[in-house]
Amino acid sequence: MSIPIGAQLYTLREQLQTPEDIRAALTRVAQIGYRYIQCSGFAFDAPWMKALCEELNLKVRLTHTPPERILNDTEAVIQEHLLLECPYVGIGSMPNEYKSAAGARKFLADYTPAMQAFAAAGLKFMYHNHSFEFERFDGERLFDILIDESDPALFGFTLDVYWVQHGGADVIDLIGRLAGRVDVCHYKDMAIVEGGQRFAAIGSGNMNWPGIIAAFEKAGTKYAFIEQDDCYGADPIDELAASYQYLTA
């Protein structure tokens, strides 16, 4: 794989409730072959996590940090990421109050000081999309506002290909549009089961992986994190293993 792949730990969030749980789960993740992780969906002590990752030969490369901490605890967020040697400060979604055309513009204005502080510290803010950003408000898609009215030097995209597809947009076309701004991404497959869309291990759904991977390579993507929001009763670590095996085969 020309783009290193990592595990988005949100996939394992129910298995990461205690330090003992985290150690056991990350040990299994490392045994699969993963060397990069995204920390999301669970609480952890940064110095402890740093030591655990060093022990397991894992590197944190992205987080999803609570929006209120990005806004109100910016310096502590910076210090935690520097300690973890994690270059990307991610946000999982804009808060609900921003979900309109005017709101998206206010979101950019409100979060710009934090983005500037991250950049000054050598970090970068990364926005993770769902499908609501492709809703139109008076003809404007929220995603277009985020692309066109943000500063590329400060505002990056963790493009989630499942949610782009879910929103009815052209995944490969959008990756090309974001070239140079999509340092990290989420690999997530979409299957159809009994007429409904379902999350799936990579390679077991219908996404165009050869085309998607080639587009991310061309766009300059540095890390791709595998995420599966729901495993429908299967062991999430087994699902991460299946995705890893497909992508590295």
Foldseek 3Di string as FASTA:
>chain_A
DQAAEAAECLLVLVQAADPVSVLVLVLLRLVLPHAEYEAENYDDDLVVVLVSSVVSNHAYAEYADEPVCLQPVLVVVLVSCVSSVHQEYEHAAPDPVLLAQVSLVVSQVRNVVSLVVSVVSNHAYEYEDAQSQQDDDVRDRNVCCLVPVHDLSRYAYQYEQVRCVVNVHDSLVVLLVRQPRHQEYEDWAWAADPRDIATAQPPPHDDPVVSNVVSNVRSNHRYYHYHHNDPPPDDSSVSVSSNVVVVVD
